[in-house]
Each structure stands twice: as structure tokens, then as C-alpha cells.
Amino acid sequence: MKDNLHPDVNEAMLFDKFTTVGPVSSIRVFRDIITRRSLGYAEVNFQQAAD
């Protein structure tokens, strides 16, 4: 879990940043259900738990 994100951060930006750590299996930026604006946190899952 990553929090305190700038509202403009999106999945592609996080993918670019976190693929330097290891292979990413999924990324989800949590968004307001009505406005679709970022809530400021995201979940990044790696292919291997060690990453």
C-alpha cells in the first residue's frame, strides 16, 4: 500500500516507478466512486513476495 499520493498520480506513473523494484503484477489507484478522483492511495502487487 502506498499513500499520500498527489491527486494526478495514475497507474502508469506508479508502474514506471515500481518496475525498477521488481516485476509488477497489478496496480490499483483507489478512486472516489462518483467523481473518479484519486483518494490519494494505491495498492501495488509484485509477482514475487520478496519484491
N, C-alpha and C. Protein backbone atom coordinates (compact mmCIF):
# COMPACT_ATOMS: atom_id res chain seq x y z
N MET A 1 0.85 -1.17 0.00
CA MET A 1 0.00 0.00 0.00
C MET A 1 0.90 1.24 0.00
N LYS A 2 0.57 2.17 -0.83
CA LYS A 2 1.27 3.45 -0.91
C LYS A 2 0.23 4.54 -0.70
N ASP A 3 0.53 5.48 0.22
CA ASP A 3 -0.44 6.55 0.47
C ASP A 3 0.21 7.91 0.31
N ASN A 4 -0.57 8.94 0.54
CA ASN A 4 -0.13 10.33 0.41
C ASN A 4 0.30 10.65 -1.03
N LEU A 5 -0.43 10.11 -1.99
CA LEU A 5 -0.12 10.35 -3.40
C LEU A 5 -0.73 11.67 -3.87
N HIS A 6 -0.05 12.32 -4.78
CA HIS A 6 -0.59 13.52 -5.43
C HIS A 6 -1.83 13.09 -6.22
N PRO A 7 -2.87 13.90 -6.28
CA PRO A 7 -4.10 13.53 -6.99
C PRO A 7 -3.90 13.19 -8.47
N ASP A 8 -2.84 13.70 -9.09
CA ASP A 8 -2.61 13.44 -10.51
C ASP A 8 -1.87 12.13 -10.79
N VAL A 9 -1.39 11.46 -9.74
CA VAL A 9 -0.66 10.20 -9.94
C VAL A 9 -1.63 9.14 -10.45
N ASN A 10 -1.20 8.42 -11.50
CA ASN A 10 -2.05 7.36 -12.07
C ASN A 10 -1.30 6.03 -12.09
N GLU A 11 -1.97 5.00 -12.57
CA GLU A 11 -1.40 3.65 -12.59
C GLU A 11 -0.13 3.58 -13.43
N ALA A 12 -0.11 4.26 -14.56
CA ALA A 12 1.06 4.21 -15.44
C ALA A 12 2.28 4.82 -14.75
N MET A 13 2.09 5.90 -14.03
CA MET A 13 3.21 6.52 -13.30
C MET A 13 3.76 5.58 -12.24
N LEU A 14 2.86 4.94 -11.51
CA LEU A 14 3.29 4.01 -10.47
C LEU A 14 3.98 2.80 -11.08
N PHE A 15 3.47 2.32 -12.20
CA PHE A 15 4.10 1.18 -12.88
C PHE A 15 5.53 1.52 -13.26
N ASP A 16 5.73 2.68 -13.85
CA ASP A 16 7.08 3.11 -14.24
C ASP A 16 8.02 3.17 -13.03
N LYS A 17 7.52 3.66 -11.92
CA LYS A 17 8.34 3.81 -10.71
C LYS A 17 8.65 2.46 -10.06
N PHE A 18 7.62 1.61 -9.92
CA PHE A 18 7.80 0.37 -9.16
C PHE A 18 8.39 -0.79 -9.95
N THR A 19 8.39 -0.73 -11.27
CA THR A 19 9.03 -1.81 -12.03
C THR A 19 10.55 -1.78 -11.85
N THR A 20 11.09 -0.71 -11.31
CA THR A 20 12.52 -0.68 -11.00
C THR A 20 12.83 -1.56 -9.79
N VAL A 21 11.83 -1.86 -8.97
CA VAL A 21 11.99 -2.71 -7.79
C VAL A 21 11.88 -4.18 -8.16
N GLY A 22 10.92 -4.50 -9.04
CA GLY A 22 10.69 -5.88 -9.46
C GLY A 22 9.47 -5.94 -10.35
N PRO A 23 9.20 -7.13 -10.93
CA PRO A 23 8.05 -7.28 -11.81
C PRO A 23 6.72 -7.03 -11.07
N VAL A 24 5.91 -6.14 -11.63
CA VAL A 24 4.63 -5.76 -11.03
C VAL A 24 3.52 -6.62 -11.63
N SER A 25 2.66 -7.18 -10.78
CA SER A 25 1.54 -7.97 -11.29
C SER A 25 0.27 -7.14 -11.41
N SER A 26 0.08 -6.15 -10.51
CA SER A 26 -1.10 -5.29 -10.62
C SER A 26 -0.91 -4.01 -9.82
N ILE A 27 -1.63 -2.99 -10.25
CA ILE A 27 -1.64 -1.70 -9.56
C ILE A 27 -3.07 -1.19 -9.54
N ARG A 28 -3.48 -0.66 -8.40
CA ARG A 28 -4.82 -0.07 -8.31
C ARG A 28 -4.72 1.25 -7.55
N VAL A 29 -5.11 2.33 -8.21
CA VAL A 29 -5.26 3.62 -7.54
C VAL A 29 -6.71 3.68 -7.07
N PHE A 30 -6.91 3.90 -5.79
CA PHE A 30 -8.26 3.96 -5.25
C PHE A 30 -8.86 5.32 -5.59
N ARG A 31 -10.10 5.27 -6.10
CA ARG A 31 -10.76 6.48 -6.59
C ARG A 31 -12.16 6.63 -5.98
N ASP A 32 -12.60 7.88 -5.90
CA ASP A 32 -13.96 8.17 -5.45
C ASP A 32 -14.94 7.56 -6.44
N ILE A 33 -15.94 6.89 -5.94
CA ILE A 33 -16.89 6.17 -6.80
C ILE A 33 -17.71 7.12 -7.69
N ILE A 34 -17.93 8.33 -7.25
CA ILE A 34 -18.72 9.29 -8.02
C ILE A 34 -17.84 10.13 -8.94
N THR A 35 -16.82 10.77 -8.37
CA THR A 35 -16.01 11.71 -9.15
C THR A 35 -14.87 11.05 -9.91
N ARG A 36 -14.50 9.83 -9.50
CA ARG A 36 -13.37 9.08 -10.08
C ARG A 36 -12.03 9.76 -9.80
N ARG A 37 -12.01 10.72 -8.89
CA ARG A 37 -10.74 11.36 -8.49
C ARG A 37 -10.01 10.45 -7.52
N SER A 38 -8.69 10.51 -7.58
CA SER A 38 -7.86 9.70 -6.69
C SER A 38 -8.13 10.04 -5.23
N LEU A 39 -8.13 9.01 -4.40
CA LEU A 39 -8.28 9.21 -2.96
C LEU A 39 -6.91 9.37 -2.29
N GLY A 40 -5.84 9.29 -3.08
CA GLY A 40 -4.50 9.54 -2.55
C GLY A 40 -3.74 8.32 -2.11
N TYR A 41 -4.28 7.13 -2.41
CA TYR A 41 -3.53 5.92 -2.07
C TYR A 41 -3.72 4.86 -3.13
N ALA A 42 -2.78 3.92 -3.16
CA ALA A 42 -2.79 2.88 -4.18
C ALA A 42 -2.23 1.58 -3.62
N GLU A 43 -2.55 0.51 -4.30
CA GLU A 43 -2.04 -0.82 -3.97
C GLU A 43 -1.18 -1.29 -5.13
N VAL A 44 0.04 -1.72 -4.83
CA VAL A 44 0.96 -2.24 -5.84
C VAL A 44 1.29 -3.67 -5.45
N ASN A 45 1.01 -4.62 -6.34
CA ASN A 45 1.32 -6.03 -6.10
C ASN A 45 2.43 -6.48 -7.03
N PHE A 46 3.40 -7.18 -6.45
CA PHE A 46 4.52 -7.68 -7.22
C PHE A 46 4.32 -9.16 -7.53
N GLN A 47 4.97 -9.63 -8.58
CA GLN A 47 4.85 -11.03 -8.98
C GLN A 47 5.45 -11.96 -7.93
N GLN A 48 6.47 -11.49 -7.22
CA GLN A 48 7.10 -12.29 -6.17
C GLN A 48 7.02 -11.53 -4.86
N ALA A 49 6.70 -12.25 -3.80
CA ALA A 49 6.53 -11.61 -2.48
C ALA A 49 7.81 -10.93 -2.00
N ALA A 50 8.96 -11.42 -2.40
CA ALA A 50 10.24 -10.85 -1.95
C ALA A 50 10.46 -9.44 -2.50
N ASP A 51 9.80 -9.11 -3.60
CA ASP A 51 9.97 -7.79 -4.20
C ASP A 51 9.20 -6.77 -3.39
